[in-house]
Structure formats: structure tokens, C-alpha cells
Amino acid sequence: KESHSGMHLEEFTMLNLVDMGPAGDATESLKKYIGIVMK
């Protein structure tokens, strides 16, 4: 239940990704995955 605005919807689509047990630093892995999605 969202307030009406130009960037909010009450029905919306999410992408969630998760890597459990990432190789190396978790924060650096996260930045890598963000880069993949944004590209």
C-alpha cells in the first residue's frame, strides 16, 4: 500500500539476487552483481 507518486506502484516487480558463501569479500561481490544488473 503505497502513497501515490511518480515512482511508486502498489503492484510492482522486484528482482532479488543473493549469493550465499561468496568467493572473497561479500561487499565486493555485491558491487560486482550490481554492476552486472545495471549493465
PDB file of all heavy atoms in Angstrom:
ATOM      1  N   LYS A   1       0.862  -1.176   0.000  1.00  0.00           N
ATOM      2  CA  LYS A   1       0.000   0.000   0.000  1.00  0.00           C
ATOM      3  C   LYS A   1       0.902   1.232   0.000  1.00  0.00           C
ATOM      4  O   LYS A   1       1.472   1.585   1.026  1.00  0.00           O
ATOM      5  CB  LYS A   1      -0.922  -0.003   1.219  1.00  0.00           C
ATOM      6  CG  LYS A   1      -1.880  -1.176   1.246  1.00  0.00           C
ATOM      7  CD  LYS A   1      -2.688  -1.207   2.537  1.00  0.00           C
ATOM      8  CE  LYS A   1      -3.590  -2.437   2.593  1.00  0.00           C
ATOM      9  NZ  LYS A   1      -4.340  -2.515   3.867  1.00  0.00           N
ATOM     10  N   GLU A   2       1.050   1.847  -1.168  1.00  0.00           N
ATOM     11  CA  GLU A   2       1.972   2.962  -1.330  1.00  0.00           C
ATOM     12  C   GLU A   2       1.219   4.276  -1.490  1.00  0.00           C
ATOM     13  O   GLU A   2       0.094   4.312  -1.988  1.00  0.00           O
ATOM     14  CB  GLU A   2       2.856   2.748  -2.571  1.00  0.00           C
ATOM     15  CG  GLU A   2       3.780   1.540  -2.484  1.00  0.00           C
ATOM     16  CD  GLU A   2       5.040   1.851  -1.686  1.00  0.00           C
ATOM     17  OE1 GLU A   2       5.123   2.914  -1.049  1.00  0.00           O
ATOM     18  OE2 GLU A   2       5.953   0.994  -1.704  1.00  0.00           O
ATOM     19  N   SER A   3       1.879   5.367  -1.082  1.00  0.00           N
ATOM     20  CA  SER A   3       1.355   6.691  -1.400  1.00  0.00           C
ATOM     21  C   SER A   3       1.534   6.912  -2.891  1.00  0.00           C
ATOM     22  O   SER A   3       2.494   6.432  -3.497  1.00  0.00           O
ATOM     23  CB  SER A   3       2.118   7.766  -0.616  1.00  0.00           C
ATOM     24  OG  SER A   3       3.499   7.683  -0.905  1.00  0.00           O
ATOM     25  N   HIS A   4       0.589   7.618  -3.505  1.00  0.00           N
ATOM     26  CA  HIS A   4       0.656   7.828  -4.944  1.00  0.00           C
ATOM     27  C   HIS A   4       1.767   8.818  -5.274  1.00  0.00           C
ATOM     28  O   HIS A   4       1.850   9.901  -4.715  1.00  0.00           O
ATOM     29  CB  HIS A   4      -0.690   8.350  -5.460  1.00  0.00           C
ATOM     30  CG  HIS A   4      -1.806   7.352  -5.310  1.00  0.00           C
ATOM     31  ND1 HIS A   4      -1.895   6.231  -6.100  1.00  0.00           N
ATOM     32  CD2 HIS A   4      -2.846   7.296  -4.452  1.00  0.00           C
ATOM     33  CE1 HIS A   4      -2.963   5.536  -5.747  1.00  0.00           C
ATOM     34  NE2 HIS A   4      -3.551   6.154  -4.746  1.00  0.00           N
ATOM     35  N   SER A   5       2.628   8.417  -6.212  1.00  0.00           N
ATOM     36  CA  SER A   5       3.691   9.306  -6.675  1.00  0.00           C
ATOM     37  C   SER A   5       4.168   8.817  -8.016  1.00  0.00           C
ATOM     38  O   SER A   5       3.783   7.739  -8.482  1.00  0.00           O
ATOM     39  CB  SER A   5       4.865   9.338  -5.680  1.00  0.00           C
ATOM     40  OG  SER A   5       5.667   8.186  -5.823  1.00  0.00           O
ATOM     41  N   GLY A   6       5.028   9.595  -8.651  1.00  0.00           N
ATOM     42  CA  GLY A   6       5.513   9.246  -9.971  1.00  0.00           C
ATOM     43  C   GLY A   6       6.445   8.061  -9.991  1.00  0.00           C
ATOM     44  O   GLY A   6       6.741   7.522 -11.057  1.00  0.00           O
ATOM     45  N   MET A   7       6.944   7.603  -8.799  1.00  0.00           N
ATOM     46  CA  MET A   7       7.894   6.490  -8.767  1.00  0.00           C
ATOM     47  C   MET A   7       7.463   5.363  -7.831  1.00  0.00           C
ATOM     48  O   MET A   7       8.270   4.541  -7.429  1.00  0.00           O
ATOM     49  CB  MET A   7       9.283   7.001  -8.367  1.00  0.00           C
ATOM     50  CG  MET A   7       9.938   7.902  -9.407  1.00  0.00           C
ATOM     51  SD  MET A   7      10.135   7.138 -11.042  1.00  0.00           S
ATOM     52  CE  MET A   7      11.586   6.128 -10.761  1.00  0.00           C
ATOM     53  N   HIS A   8       6.175   5.315  -7.453  1.00  0.00           N
ATOM     54  CA  HIS A   8       5.668   4.247  -6.581  1.00  0.00           C
ATOM     55  C   HIS A   8       4.456   3.573  -7.214  1.00  0.00           C
ATOM     56  O   HIS A   8       3.595   4.237  -7.804  1.00  0.00           O
ATOM     57  CB  HIS A   8       5.267   4.799  -5.209  1.00  0.00           C
ATOM     58  CG  HIS A   8       6.425   5.159  -4.337  1.00  0.00           C
ATOM     59  ND1 HIS A   8       7.016   6.400  -4.356  1.00  0.00           N
ATOM     60  CD2 HIS A   8       7.122   4.428  -3.429  1.00  0.00           C
ATOM     61  CE1 HIS A   8       8.016   6.420  -3.489  1.00  0.00           C
ATOM     62  NE2 HIS A   8       8.104   5.237  -2.919  1.00  0.00           N
ATOM     63  N   LEU A   9       4.393   2.259  -7.088  1.00  0.00           N
ATOM     64  CA  LEU A   9       3.253   1.471  -7.530  1.00  0.00           C
ATOM     65  C   LEU A   9       2.841   0.531  -6.403  1.00  0.00           C
ATOM     66  O   LEU A   9       3.680   0.069  -5.632  1.00  0.00           O
ATOM     67  CB  LEU A   9       3.621   0.621  -8.752  1.00  0.00           C
ATOM     68  CG  LEU A   9       3.966   1.356 -10.047  1.00  0.00           C
ATOM     69  CD1 LEU A   9       4.574   0.372 -11.041  1.00  0.00           C
ATOM     70  CD2 LEU A   9       2.735   2.020 -10.631  1.00  0.00           C
ATOM     71  N   GLU A  10       1.548   0.221  -6.311  1.00  0.00           N
ATOM     72  CA  GLU A  10       1.108  -0.737  -5.302  1.00  0.00           C
ATOM     73  C   GLU A  10       1.354  -2.171  -5.754  1.00  0.00           C
ATOM     74  O   GLU A  10       1.533  -3.059  -4.933  1.00  0.00           O
ATOM     75  CB  GLU A  10      -0.369  -0.516  -4.977  1.00  0.00           C
ATOM     76  CG  GLU A  10      -0.615   0.796  -4.231  1.00  0.00           C
ATOM     77  CD  GLU A  10      -1.984   0.882  -3.614  1.00  0.00           C
ATOM     78  OE1 GLU A  10      -2.945   0.361  -4.217  1.00  0.00           O
ATOM     79  OE2 GLU A  10      -2.106   1.463  -2.516  1.00  0.00           O
ATOM     80  N   GLU A  11       1.354  -2.417  -7.058  1.00  0.00           N
ATOM     81  CA  GLU A  11       1.788  -3.697  -7.627  1.00  0.00           C
ATOM     82  C   GLU A  11       3.033  -3.414  -8.446  1.00  0.00           C
ATOM     83  O   GLU A  11       2.977  -2.670  -9.426  1.00  0.00           O
ATOM     84  CB  GLU A  11       0.701  -4.305  -8.507  1.00  0.00           C
ATOM     85  CG  GLU A  11       1.136  -5.604  -9.173  1.00  0.00           C
ATOM     86  CD  GLU A  11       0.104  -6.183 -10.124  1.00  0.00           C
ATOM     87  OE1 GLU A  11      -1.040  -5.680 -10.143  1.00  0.00           O
ATOM     88  OE2 GLU A  11       0.435  -7.140 -10.857  1.00  0.00           O
ATOM     89  N   PHE A  12       4.157  -3.989  -8.045  1.00  0.00           N
ATOM     90  CA  PHE A  12       5.412  -3.692  -8.715  1.00  0.00           C
ATOM     91  C   PHE A  12       6.234  -4.971  -8.850  1.00  0.00           C
ATOM     92  O   PHE A  12       5.905  -6.006  -8.254  1.00  0.00           O
ATOM     93  CB  PHE A  12       6.206  -2.626  -7.951  1.00  0.00           C
ATOM     94  CG  PHE A  12       6.507  -2.975  -6.519  1.00  0.00           C
ATOM     95  CD1 PHE A  12       7.723  -3.533  -6.156  1.00  0.00           C
ATOM     96  CD2 PHE A  12       5.559  -2.755  -5.520  1.00  0.00           C
ATOM     97  CE1 PHE A  12       7.997  -3.863  -4.829  1.00  0.00           C
ATOM     98  CE2 PHE A  12       5.817  -3.077  -4.197  1.00  0.00           C
ATOM     99  CZ  PHE A  12       7.043  -3.644  -3.847  1.00  0.00           C
ATOM    100  N   THR A  13       7.290  -4.907  -9.638  1.00  0.00           N
ATOM    101  CA  THR A  13       8.105  -6.086  -9.930  1.00  0.00           C
ATOM    102  C   THR A  13       9.485  -5.927  -9.310  1.00  0.00           C
ATOM    103  O   THR A  13      10.168  -4.931  -9.560  1.00  0.00           O
ATOM    104  CB  THR A  13       8.247  -6.281 -11.447  1.00  0.00           C
ATOM    105  OG1 THR A  13       6.966  -6.211 -12.060  1.00  0.00           O
ATOM    106  CG2 THR A  13       8.886  -7.636 -11.750  1.00  0.00           C
ATOM    107  N   MET A  14       9.849  -6.897  -8.495  1.00  0.00           N
ATOM    108  CA  MET A  14      11.155  -6.881  -7.857  1.00  0.00           C
ATOM    109  C   MET A  14      12.084  -7.897  -8.504  1.00  0.00           C
ATOM    110  O   MET A  14      11.646  -8.949  -8.977  1.00  0.00           O
ATOM    111  CB  MET A  14      11.040  -7.233  -6.371  1.00  0.00           C
ATOM    112  CG  MET A  14      10.415  -6.155  -5.508  1.00  0.00           C
ATOM    113  SD  MET A  14      11.436  -4.675  -5.374  1.00  0.00           S
ATOM    114  CE  MET A  14      12.924  -5.331  -4.610  1.00  0.00           C
ATOM    115  N   LEU A  15      13.358  -7.560  -8.530  1.00  0.00           N
ATOM    116  CA  LEU A  15      14.422  -8.523  -8.767  1.00  0.00           C
ATOM    117  C   LEU A  15      15.209  -8.627  -7.474  1.00  0.00           C
ATOM    118  O   LEU A  15      15.712  -7.617  -6.977  1.00  0.00           O
ATOM    119  CB  LEU A  15      15.360  -8.057  -9.886  1.00  0.00           C
ATOM    120  CG  LEU A  15      16.780  -8.653  -9.856  1.00  0.00           C
ATOM    121  CD1 LEU A  15      16.752 -10.150 -10.138  1.00  0.00           C
ATOM    122  CD2 LEU A  15      17.703  -7.931 -10.815  1.00  0.00           C
ATOM    123  N   ASN A  16      15.292  -9.822  -6.908  1.00  0.00           N
ATOM    124  CA  ASN A  16      16.168 -10.059  -5.770  1.00  0.00           C
ATOM    125  C   ASN A  16      17.201 -11.105  -6.168  1.00  0.00           C
ATOM    126  O   ASN A  16      16.851 -12.139  -6.751  1.00  0.00           O
ATOM    127  CB  ASN A  16      15.387 -10.564  -4.551  1.00  0.00           C
ATOM    128  CG  ASN A  16      14.907  -9.438  -3.671  1.00  0.00           C
ATOM    129  OD1 ASN A  16      14.366  -8.457  -4.172  1.00  0.00           O
ATOM    130  ND2 ASN A  16      15.081  -9.571  -2.373  1.00  0.00           N
ATOM    131  N   LEU A  17      18.452 -10.832  -5.837  1.00  0.00           N
ATOM    132  CA  LEU A  17      19.515 -11.806  -6.050  1.00  0.00           C
ATOM    133  C   LEU A  17      20.280 -11.980  -4.748  1.00  0.00           C
ATOM    134  O   LEU A  17      20.378 -11.057  -3.944  1.00  0.00           O
ATOM    135  CB  LEU A  17      20.444 -11.362  -7.178  1.00  0.00           C
ATOM    136  CG  LEU A  17      21.245 -10.070  -6.989  1.00  0.00           C
ATOM    137  CD1 LEU A  17      22.559 -10.288  -6.247  1.00  0.00           C
ATOM    138  CD2 LEU A  17      21.523  -9.423  -8.332  1.00  0.00           C
ATOM    139  N   VAL A  18      20.805 -13.187  -4.539  1.00  0.00           N
ATOM    140  CA  VAL A  18      21.592 -13.444  -3.335  1.00  0.00           C
ATOM    141  C   VAL A  18      22.645 -14.503  -3.634  1.00  0.00           C
ATOM    142  O   VAL A  18      22.390 -15.455  -4.374  1.00  0.00           O
ATOM    143  CB  VAL A  18      20.693 -13.878  -2.155  1.00  0.00           C
ATOM    144  CG1 VAL A  18      19.967 -15.168  -2.460  1.00  0.00           C
ATOM    145  CG2 VAL A  18      21.501 -14.011  -0.862  1.00  0.00           C
ATOM    146  N   ASP A  19      23.821 -14.283  -3.104  1.00  0.00           N
ATOM    147  CA  ASP A  19      24.923 -15.235  -3.194  1.00  0.00           C
ATOM    148  C   ASP A  19      25.313 -15.604  -1.770  1.00  0.00           C
ATOM    149  O   ASP A  19      25.839 -14.771  -1.030  1.00  0.00           O
ATOM    150  CB  ASP A  19      26.101 -14.587  -3.935  1.00  0.00           C
ATOM    151  CG  ASP A  19      27.330 -15.502  -4.015  1.00  0.00           C
ATOM    152  OD1 ASP A  19      27.273 -16.628  -3.505  1.00  0.00           O
ATOM    153  OD2 ASP A  19      28.346 -15.063  -4.583  1.00  0.00           O
ATOM    154  N   MET A  20      25.022 -16.850  -1.364  1.00  0.00           N
ATOM    155  CA  MET A  20      25.422 -17.321  -0.036  1.00  0.00           C
ATOM    156  C   MET A  20      26.755 -18.048  -0.157  1.00  0.00           C
ATOM    157  O   MET A  20      26.895 -18.980  -0.964  1.00  0.00           O
ATOM    158  CB  MET A  20      24.368 -18.253   0.553  1.00  0.00           C
ATOM    159  CG  MET A  20      24.708 -18.682   1.990  1.00  0.00           C
ATOM    160  SD  MET A  20      23.330 -19.447   2.873  1.00  0.00           S
ATOM    161  CE  MET A  20      23.218 -21.021   2.033  1.00  0.00           C
ATOM    162  N   GLY A  21      27.728 -17.588   0.631  1.00  0.00           N
ATOM    163  CA  GLY A  21      29.067 -18.142   0.553  1.00  0.00           C
ATOM    164  C   GLY A  21      29.859 -17.596  -0.618  1.00  0.00           C
ATOM    165  O   GLY A  21      30.515 -18.364  -1.333  1.00  0.00           O
ATOM    166  N   PRO A  22      29.812 -16.280  -0.842  1.00  0.00           N
ATOM    167  CA  PRO A  22      30.534 -15.717  -1.995  1.00  0.00           C
ATOM    168  C   PRO A  22      32.036 -15.917  -1.870  1.00  0.00           C
ATOM    169  O   PRO A  22      32.579 -15.945  -0.757  1.00  0.00           O
ATOM    170  CB  PRO A  22      30.165 -14.232  -1.946  1.00  0.00           C
ATOM    171  CG  PRO A  22      29.835 -13.965  -0.511  1.00  0.00           C
ATOM    172  CD  PRO A  22      29.192 -15.230  -0.018  1.00  0.00           C
ATOM    173  N   ALA A  23      32.698 -16.061  -3.009  1.00  0.00           N
ATOM    174  CA  ALA A  23      34.156 -16.168  -3.013  1.00  0.00           C
ATOM    175  C   ALA A  23      34.745 -14.792  -2.746  1.00  0.00           C
ATOM    176  O   ALA A  23      34.435 -13.826  -3.436  1.00  0.00           O
ATOM    177  CB  ALA A  23      34.631 -16.703  -4.363  1.00  0.00           C
ATOM    178  N   GLY A  24      35.560 -14.665  -1.714  1.00  0.00           N
ATOM    179  CA  GLY A  24      36.154 -13.370  -1.387  1.00  0.00           C
ATOM    180  C   GLY A  24      35.230 -12.496  -0.563  1.00  0.00           C
ATOM    181  O   GLY A  24      34.303 -12.975   0.101  1.00  0.00           O
ATOM    182  N   ASP A  25      35.478 -11.205  -0.599  1.00  0.00           N
ATOM    183  CA  ASP A  25      34.741 -10.235   0.212  1.00  0.00           C
ATOM    184  C   ASP A  25      33.302 -10.095  -0.275  1.00  0.00           C
ATOM    185  O   ASP A  25      33.055  -9.880  -1.467  1.00  0.00           O
ATOM    186  CB  ASP A  25      35.451  -8.881   0.154  1.00  0.00           C
ATOM    187  CG  ASP A  25      34.752  -7.843   0.999  1.00  0.00           C
ATOM    188  OD1 ASP A  25      34.856  -7.911   2.232  1.00  0.00           O
ATOM    189  OD2 ASP A  25      34.088  -6.959   0.414  1.00  0.00           O
ATOM    190  N   ALA A  26      32.341 -10.198   0.647  1.00  0.00           N
ATOM    191  CA  ALA A  26      30.920 -10.153   0.278  1.00  0.00           C
ATOM    192  C   ALA A  26      30.533  -8.806  -0.323  1.00  0.00           C
ATOM    193  O   ALA A  26      29.736  -8.744  -1.276  1.00  0.00           O
ATOM    194  CB  ALA A  26      30.054 -10.457   1.499  1.00  0.00           C
ATOM    195  N   THR A  27      31.068  -7.724   0.207  1.00  0.00           N
ATOM    196  CA  THR A  27      30.722  -6.396  -0.305  1.00  0.00           C
ATOM    197  C   THR A  27      31.229  -6.210  -1.728  1.00  0.00           C
ATOM    198  O   THR A  27      30.533  -5.646  -2.588  1.00  0.00           O
ATOM    199  CB  THR A  27      31.289  -5.294   0.607  1.00  0.00           C
ATOM    200  OG1 THR A  27      30.724  -5.433   1.914  1.00  0.00           O
ATOM    201  CG2 THR A  27      30.945  -3.911   0.073  1.00  0.00           C
ATOM    202  N   GLU A  28      32.439  -6.704  -2.008  1.00  0.00           N
ATOM    203  CA  GLU A  28      32.972  -6.598  -3.366  1.00  0.00           C
ATOM    204  C   GLU A  28      32.160  -7.464  -4.328  1.00  0.00           C
ATOM    205  O   GLU A  28      31.925  -7.076  -5.477  1.00  0.00           O
ATOM    206  CB  GLU A  28      34.445  -6.997  -3.386  1.00  0.00           C
ATOM    207  CG  GLU A  28      35.350  -5.999  -2.687  1.00  0.00           C
ATOM    208  CD  GLU A  28      35.181  -4.580  -3.208  1.00  0.00           C
ATOM    209  OE1 GLU A  28      35.227  -4.409  -4.442  1.00  0.00           O
ATOM    210  OE2 GLU A  28      34.998  -3.663  -2.384  1.00  0.00           O
ATOM    211  N   SER A  29      31.734  -8.640  -3.862  1.00  0.00           N
ATOM    212  CA  SER A  29      30.864  -9.476  -4.700  1.00  0.00           C
ATOM    213  C   SER A  29      29.558  -8.757  -4.996  1.00  0.00           C
ATOM    214  O   SER A  29      29.057  -8.782  -6.127  1.00  0.00           O
ATOM    215  CB  SER A  29      30.581 -10.809  -3.998  1.00  0.00           C
ATOM    216  OG  SER A  29      31.753 -11.578  -3.868  1.00  0.00           O
ATOM    217  N   LEU A  30      28.997  -8.121  -3.968  1.00  0.00           N
ATOM    218  CA  LEU A  30      27.750  -7.389  -4.143  1.00  0.00           C
ATOM    219  C   LEU A  30      27.899  -6.294  -5.198  1.00  0.00           C
ATOM    220  O   LEU A  30      27.037  -6.135  -6.075  1.00  0.00           O
ATOM    221  CB  LEU A  30      27.326  -6.781  -2.803  1.00  0.00           C
ATOM    222  CG  LEU A  30      26.014  -5.993  -2.794  1.00  0.00           C
ATOM    223  CD1 LEU A  30      24.863  -6.890  -3.189  1.00  0.00           C
ATOM    224  CD2 LEU A  30      25.785  -5.382  -1.420  1.00  0.00           C
ATOM    225  N   LYS A  31      28.970  -5.549  -5.125  1.00  0.00           N
ATOM    226  CA  LYS A  31      29.204  -4.481  -6.105  1.00  0.00           C
ATOM    227  C   LYS A  31      29.303  -5.050  -7.517  1.00  0.00           C
ATOM    228  O   LYS A  31      28.820  -4.449  -8.484  1.00  0.00           O
ATOM    229  CB  LYS A  31      30.461  -3.709  -5.740  1.00  0.00           C
ATOM    230  CG  LYS A  31      30.337  -2.874  -4.475  1.00  0.00           C
ATOM    231  CD  LYS A  31      31.642  -2.176  -4.132  1.00  0.00           C
ATOM    232  CE  LYS A  31      31.523  -1.355  -2.865  1.00  0.00           C
ATOM    233  NZ  LYS A  31      32.815  -0.710  -2.500  1.00  0.00           N
ATOM    234  N   LYS A  32      29.926  -6.222  -7.637  1.00  0.00           N
ATOM    235  CA  LYS A  32      30.032  -6.869  -8.946  1.00  0.00           C
ATOM    236  C   LYS A  32      28.651  -7.205  -9.491  1.00  0.00           C
ATOM    237  O   LYS A  32      28.349  -6.938 -10.665  1.00  0.00           O
ATOM    238  CB  LYS A  32      30.876  -8.139  -8.830  1.00  0.00           C
ATOM    239  CG  LYS A  32      30.881  -8.986 -10.097  1.00  0.00           C
ATOM    240  CD  LYS A  32      31.476 -10.363  -9.841  1.00  0.00           C
ATOM    241  CE  LYS A  32      31.261 -11.293 -11.040  1.00  0.00           C
ATOM    242  NZ  LYS A  32      31.740 -12.664 -10.786  1.00  0.00           N
ATOM    243  N   TYR A  33      27.787  -7.783  -8.643  1.00  0.00           N
ATOM    244  CA  TYR A  33      26.461  -8.194  -9.101  1.00  0.00           C
ATOM    245  C   TYR A  33      25.598  -6.978  -9.453  1.00  0.00           C
ATOM    246  O   TYR A  33      24.818  -7.021 -10.412  1.00  0.00           O
ATOM    247  CB  TYR A  33      25.774  -9.046  -8.038  1.00  0.00           C
ATOM    248  CG  TYR A  33      26.561 -10.277  -7.658  1.00  0.00           C
ATOM    249  CD1 TYR A  33      26.588 -10.738  -6.335  1.00  0.00           C
ATOM    250  CD2 TYR A  33      27.299 -10.979  -8.604  1.00  0.00           C
ATOM    251  CE1 TYR A  33      27.321 -11.854  -5.989  1.00  0.00           C
ATOM    252  CE2 TYR A  33      28.033 -12.102  -8.257  1.00  0.00           C
ATOM    253  CZ  TYR A  33      28.042 -12.533  -6.945  1.00  0.00           C
ATOM    254  OH  TYR A  33      28.773 -13.644  -6.602  1.00  0.00           O
ATOM    255  N   ILE A  34      25.732  -5.925  -8.690  1.00  0.00           N
ATOM    256  CA  ILE A  34      25.016  -4.691  -9.028  1.00  0.00           C
ATOM    257  C   ILE A  34      25.451  -4.208 -10.407  1.00  0.00           C
ATOM    258  O   ILE A  34      24.621  -3.807 -11.240  1.00  0.00           O
ATOM    259  CB  ILE A  34      25.278  -3.608  -7.962  1.00  0.00           C
ATOM    260  CG1 ILE A  34      24.543  -3.957  -6.659  1.00  0.00           C
ATOM    261  CG2 ILE A  34      24.840  -2.228  -8.462  1.00  0.00           C
ATOM    262  CD1 ILE A  34      24.922  -3.077  -5.480  1.00  0.00           C
ATOM    263  N   GLY A  35      26.745  -4.263 -10.667  1.00  0.00           N
ATOM    264  CA  GLY A  35      27.257  -3.841 -11.962  1.00  0.00           C
ATOM    265  C   GLY A  35      26.710  -4.684 -13.100  1.00  0.00           C
ATOM    266  O   GLY A  35      26.387  -4.154 -14.179  1.00  0.00           O
ATOM    267  N   ILE A  36      26.577  -6.000 -12.884  1.00  0.00           N
ATOM    268  CA  ILE A  36      26.034  -6.887 -13.917  1.00  0.00           C
ATOM    269  C   ILE A  36      24.598  -6.498 -14.257  1.00  0.00           C
ATOM    270  O   ILE A  36      24.212  -6.400 -15.431  1.00  0.00           O
ATOM    271  CB  ILE A  36      26.106  -8.352 -13.448  1.00  0.00           C
ATOM    272  CG1 ILE A  36      27.557  -8.835 -13.434  1.00  0.00           C
ATOM    273  CG2 ILE A  36      25.261  -9.255 -14.350  1.00  0.00           C
ATOM    274  CD1 ILE A  36      27.750 -10.193 -12.788  1.00  0.00           C
ATOM    275  N   VAL A  37      23.782  -6.270 -13.209  1.00  0.00           N
ATOM    276  CA  VAL A  37      22.380  -5.920 -13.428  1.00  0.00           C
ATOM    277  C   VAL A  37      22.252  -4.562 -14.118  1.00  0.00           C
ATOM    278  O   VAL A  37      21.486  -4.409 -15.084  1.00  0.00           O
ATOM    279  CB  VAL A  37      21.610  -5.916 -12.093  1.00  0.00           C
ATOM    280  CG1 VAL A  37      20.195  -5.354 -12.283  1.00  0.00           C
ATOM    281  CG2 VAL A  37      21.541  -7.319 -11.509  1.00  0.00           C
ATOM    282  N   MET A  38      23.009  -3.591 -13.651  1.00  0.00           N
ATOM    283  CA  MET A  38      22.880  -2.251 -14.212  1.00  0.00           C
ATOM    284  C   MET A  38      23.374  -2.198 -15.662  1.00  0.00           C
ATOM    285  O   MET A  38      22.813  -1.472 -16.492  1.00  0.00           O
ATOM    286  CB  MET A  38      23.632  -1.251 -13.339  1.00  0.00           C
ATOM    287  CG  MET A  38      23.075  -1.138 -11.924  1.00  0.00           C
ATOM    288  SD  MET A  38      21.324  -0.694 -11.854  1.00  0.00           S
ATOM    289  CE  MET A  38      21.444   1.060 -12.246  1.00  0.00           C
ATOM    290  N   LYS A  39      24.392  -2.968 -15.979  1.00  0.00           N
ATOM    291  CA  LYS A  39      24.856  -3.036 -17.366  1.00  0.00           C
ATOM    292  C   LYS A  39      23.797  -3.679 -18.252  1.00  0.00           C
ATOM    293  O   LYS A  39      23.504  -3.200 -19.357  1.00  0.00           O
ATOM    294  CB  LYS A  39      26.165  -3.815 -17.448  1.00  0.00           C
ATOM    295  CG  LYS A  39      26.714  -3.924 -18.869  1.00  0.00           C
ATOM    296  CD  LYS A  39      28.028  -4.709 -18.902  1.00  0.00           C
ATOM    297  CE  LYS A  39      28.561  -4.832 -20.331  1.00  0.00           C
ATOM    298  NZ  LYS A  39      29.822  -5.622 -20.370  1.00  0.00           N
TER     299      LYS A  39
END
